[in-house]
Amino acid sequence: MSNYKSEVFCKVTFEAVHSWPGVSSIPGLEEVAYLANEHRHQFIIRAYSKVTHSDRDVEFIWLAHQIENFLDAHYPKYNGSKVAFVGASSCEMIGEVIMEAFPQIYKVCVSEDDENGAWTERV
């Protein structure tokens, strides 16, 4: 019996344009009203998967490639560019989309430009 528990994670960078149209309906957020307009971010995604042993039953490089391929296929491109368009999706929503596509992932952290973000965990 092992006295350890492990999980693996992978990190994926995802360039996308989004907006938050609902910002104008929240009192006190006037200083960030510009978020209602489409704007670009470098989304940094960290996806976590539990493993049952130390010889890694989930390969993190492979998982990162699978997530990159999924995001590329799932989201349309912005005005014909290489940049993805995620519409009004928040960091939390992007995390939920990833977890729906990958049942082995139990937690996803999505940040904008590696500054601010959110994590979403399967319950």
C-alpha atoms as a PDB file:
ATOM      1  CA  MET A   1       0.000   0.000   0.000  1.00  0.00           C
ATOM      2  CA  SER A   2       1.390   3.359  -1.027  1.00  0.00           C
ATOM      3  CA  ASN A   3       1.510   6.409   1.215  1.00  0.00           C
ATOM      4  CA  TYR A   4       1.373   8.677  -1.810  1.00  0.00           C
ATOM      5  CA  LYS A   5      -1.248  10.048  -4.091  1.00  0.00           C
ATOM      6  CA  SER A   6      -0.467  11.596  -7.440  1.00  0.00           C
ATOM      7  CA  GLU A   7      -2.060  13.557 -10.197  1.00  0.00           C
ATOM      8  CA  VAL A   8      -0.658  14.786 -13.467  1.00  0.00           C
ATOM      9  CA  PHE A   9      -1.264  18.024 -15.284  1.00  0.00           C
ATOM     10  CA  CYS A  10      -0.595  19.458 -18.689  1.00  0.00           C
ATOM     11  CA  LYS A  11      -0.360  23.046 -19.830  1.00  0.00           C
ATOM     12  CA  VAL A  12      -1.787  24.277 -23.122  1.00  0.00           C
ATOM     13  CA  THR A  13      -1.655  27.787 -24.553  1.00  0.00           C
ATOM     14  CA  PHE A  14      -4.688  28.810 -26.570  1.00  0.00           C
ATOM     15  CA  GLU A  15      -4.982  32.124 -28.447  1.00  0.00           C
ATOM     16  CA  ALA A  16      -8.586  33.283 -28.720  1.00  0.00           C
ATOM     17  CA  VAL A  17     -10.944  36.239 -28.965  1.00  0.00           C
ATOM     18  CA  HIS A  18     -13.917  36.581 -26.645  1.00  0.00           C
ATOM     19  CA  SER A  19     -16.220  39.157 -25.069  1.00  0.00           C
ATOM     20  CA  TRP A  20     -18.379  39.569 -21.990  1.00  0.00           C
ATOM     21  CA  PRO A  21     -21.591  41.285 -23.091  1.00  0.00           C
ATOM     22  CA  GLY A  22     -23.116  40.910 -19.609  1.00  0.00           C
ATOM     23  CA  VAL A  23     -20.559  43.169 -17.927  1.00  0.00           C
ATOM     24  CA  SER A  24     -22.751  46.237 -18.511  1.00  0.00           C
ATOM     25  CA  SER A  25     -25.595  44.719 -16.471  1.00  0.00           C
ATOM     26  CA  ILE A  26     -23.516  44.537 -13.277  1.00  0.00           C
ATOM     27  CA  PRO A  27     -23.422  47.757 -11.222  1.00  0.00           C
ATOM     28  CA  GLY A  28     -19.948  48.938 -10.247  1.00  0.00           C
ATOM     29  CA  LEU A  29     -18.087  47.412 -13.186  1.00  0.00           C
ATOM     30  CA  GLU A  30     -18.105  50.543 -15.353  1.00  0.00           C
ATOM     31  CA  GLU A  31     -14.283  50.702 -15.355  1.00  0.00           C
ATOM     32  CA  VAL A  32     -14.133  47.357 -17.190  1.00  0.00           C
ATOM     33  CA  ALA A  33     -17.055  48.000 -19.559  1.00  0.00           C
ATOM     34  CA  TYR A  34     -14.623  47.517 -22.468  1.00  0.00           C
ATOM     35  CA  LEU A  35     -14.804  43.760 -21.765  1.00  0.00           C
ATOM     36  CA  ALA A  36     -18.150  43.776 -23.586  1.00  0.00           C
ATOM     37  CA  ASN A  37     -16.167  44.262 -26.822  1.00  0.00           C
ATOM     38  CA  GLU A  38     -14.329  41.441 -28.527  1.00  0.00           C
ATOM     39  CA  HIS A  39     -10.738  41.250 -27.323  1.00  0.00           C
ATOM     40  CA  ARG A  40      -7.850  38.794 -27.603  1.00  0.00           C
ATOM     41  CA  HIS A  41      -6.186  36.735 -24.895  1.00  0.00           C
ATOM     42  CA  GLN A  42      -3.560  34.084 -24.644  1.00  0.00           C
ATOM     43  CA  PHE A  43      -5.535  31.575 -22.576  1.00  0.00           C
ATOM     44  CA  ILE A  44      -3.316  29.363 -20.430  1.00  0.00           C
ATOM     45  CA  ILE A  45      -4.981  26.051 -19.638  1.00  0.00           C
ATOM     46  CA  ARG A  46      -3.806  23.639 -16.977  1.00  0.00           C
ATOM     47  CA  ALA A  47      -5.715  20.372 -16.949  1.00  0.00           C
ATOM     48  CA  TYR A  48      -5.402  17.914 -14.061  1.00  0.00           C
ATOM     49  CA  SER A  49      -6.006  14.170 -14.008  1.00  0.00           C
ATOM     50  CA  LYS A  50      -5.730  11.780 -11.085  1.00  0.00           C
ATOM     51  CA  VAL A  51      -3.505   8.757 -11.543  1.00  0.00           C
ATOM     52  CA  THR A  52      -3.598   5.476  -9.678  1.00  0.00           C
ATOM     53  CA  HIS A  53       0.101   4.659  -9.671  1.00  0.00           C
ATOM     54  CA  SER A  54       3.475   6.306 -10.110  1.00  0.00           C
ATOM     55  CA  ASP A  55       4.119   4.874 -13.573  1.00  0.00           C
ATOM     56  CA  ARG A  56       1.615   7.335 -14.968  1.00  0.00           C
ATOM     57  CA  ASP A  57      -1.628   5.937 -16.302  1.00  0.00           C
ATOM     58  CA  VAL A  58      -2.291   9.279 -18.053  1.00  0.00           C
ATOM     59  CA  GLU A  59       0.548  10.601 -20.215  1.00  0.00           C
ATOM     60  CA  PHE A  60       0.576  14.396 -19.881  1.00  0.00           C
ATOM     61  CA  ILE A  61       2.270  15.201 -23.205  1.00  0.00           C
ATOM     62  CA  TRP A  62      -0.293  13.071 -25.032  1.00  0.00           C
ATOM     63  CA  LEU A  63      -3.105  14.727 -23.054  1.00  0.00           C
ATOM     64  CA  ALA A  64      -1.836  18.195 -23.975  1.00  0.00           C
ATOM     65  CA  HIS A  65      -1.820  17.245 -27.661  1.00  0.00           C
ATOM     66  CA  GLN A  66      -5.359  15.867 -27.385  1.00  0.00           C
ATOM     67  CA  ILE A  67      -6.612  19.094 -25.781  1.00  0.00           C
ATOM     68  CA  GLU A  68      -4.876  21.237 -28.428  1.00  0.00           C
ATOM     69  CA  ASN A  69      -6.467  19.184 -31.216  1.00  0.00           C
ATOM     70  CA  PHE A  70      -9.871  19.357 -29.535  1.00  0.00           C
ATOM     71  CA  LEU A  71      -9.758  23.142 -29.062  1.00  0.00           C
ATOM     72  CA  ASP A  72      -8.644  23.639 -32.650  1.00  0.00           C
ATOM     73  CA  ALA A  73     -11.569  21.557 -33.933  1.00  0.00           C
ATOM     74  CA  HIS A  74     -14.172  22.791 -31.419  1.00  0.00           C
ATOM     75  CA  TYR A  75     -13.857  26.556 -31.788  1.00  0.00           C
ATOM     76  CA  PRO A  76     -14.151  28.416 -35.104  1.00  0.00           C
ATOM     77  CA  LYS A  77     -11.448  30.805 -36.257  1.00  0.00           C
ATOM     78  CA  TYR A  78     -11.860  34.558 -35.783  1.00  0.00           C
ATOM     79  CA  ASN A  79     -12.418  36.317 -39.118  1.00  0.00           C
ATOM     80  CA  GLY A  80     -10.405  33.726 -41.026  1.00  0.00           C
ATOM     81  CA  SER A  81      -7.324  34.154 -38.820  1.00  0.00           C
ATOM     82  CA  LYS A  82      -5.403  31.506 -36.865  1.00  0.00           C
ATOM     83  CA  VAL A  83      -6.956  32.849 -33.662  1.00  0.00           C
ATOM     84  CA  ALA A  84      -9.913  30.955 -32.189  1.00  0.00           C
ATOM     85  CA  PHE A  85     -13.238  32.613 -31.449  1.00  0.00           C
ATOM     86  CA  VAL A  86     -14.861  31.523 -28.184  1.00  0.00           C
ATOM     87  CA  GLY A  87     -17.679  34.089 -28.240  1.00  0.00           C
ATOM     88  CA  ALA A  88     -18.960  35.049 -24.798  1.00  0.00           C
ATOM     89  CA  SER A  89     -17.247  32.100 -23.090  1.00  0.00           C
ATOM     90  CA  SER A  90     -15.623  32.740 -19.729  1.00  0.00           C
ATOM     91  CA  CYS A  91     -12.582  30.924 -18.361  1.00  0.00           C
ATOM     92  CA  GLU A  92     -14.963  28.741 -16.362  1.00  0.00           C
ATOM     93  CA  MET A  93     -16.982  27.880 -19.468  1.00  0.00           C
ATOM     94  CA  ILE A  94     -13.861  26.916 -21.415  1.00  0.00           C
ATOM     95  CA  GLY A  95     -12.849  24.680 -18.504  1.00  0.00           C
ATOM     96  CA  GLU A  96     -16.261  22.988 -18.513  1.00  0.00           C
ATOM     97  CA  VAL A  97     -16.044  22.348 -22.271  1.00  0.00           C
ATOM     98  CA  ILE A  98     -12.665  20.669 -21.798  1.00  0.00           C
ATOM     99  CA  MET A  99     -13.889  18.514 -18.923  1.00  0.00           C
ATOM    100  CA  GLU A 100     -16.951  17.422 -20.897  1.00  0.00           C
ATOM    101  CA  ALA A 101     -14.679  16.275 -23.729  1.00  0.00           C
ATOM    102  CA  PHE A 102     -12.132  14.543 -21.459  1.00  0.00           C
ATOM    103  CA  PRO A 103     -13.675  12.528 -18.613  1.00  0.00           C
ATOM    104  CA  GLN A 104     -10.239  11.716 -17.133  1.00  0.00           C
ATOM    105  CA  ILE A 105      -9.730  15.422 -16.373  1.00  0.00           C
ATOM    106  CA  TYR A 106     -11.218  16.406 -13.026  1.00  0.00           C
ATOM    107  CA  LYS A 107      -9.975  20.006 -12.730  1.00  0.00           C
ATOM    108  CA  VAL A 108      -9.070  22.737 -15.211  1.00  0.00           C
ATOM    109  CA  CYS A 109      -7.500  26.116 -14.535  1.00  0.00           C
ATOM    110  CA  VAL A 110      -7.916  28.665 -17.329  1.00  0.00           C
ATOM    111  CA  SER A 111      -6.206  32.043 -17.123  1.00  0.00           C
ATOM    112  CA  GLU A 112      -6.114  35.039 -19.401  1.00  0.00           C
ATOM    113  CA  ASP A 113      -2.569  35.982 -20.386  1.00  0.00           C
ATOM    114  CA  ASP A 114      -1.313  33.997 -17.364  1.00  0.00           C
ATOM    115  CA  GLU A 115      -2.557  36.785 -15.093  1.00  0.00           C
ATOM    116  CA  ASN A 116      -6.111  36.217 -13.900  1.00  0.00           C
ATOM    117  CA  GLY A 117      -8.379  33.253 -14.300  1.00  0.00           C
ATOM    118  CA  ALA A 118     -10.489  30.585 -12.726  1.00  0.00           C
ATOM    119  CA  TRP A 119     -10.431  26.901 -12.017  1.00  0.00           C
ATOM    120  CA  THR A 120     -13.317  24.549 -12.464  1.00  0.00           C
ATOM    121  CA  GLU A 121     -13.484  21.169 -10.773  1.00  0.00           C
ATOM    122  CA  ARG A 122     -15.742  18.196 -11.439  1.00  0.00           C
ATOM    123  CA  VAL A 123     -17.919  17.430  -8.403  1.00  0.00           C
END
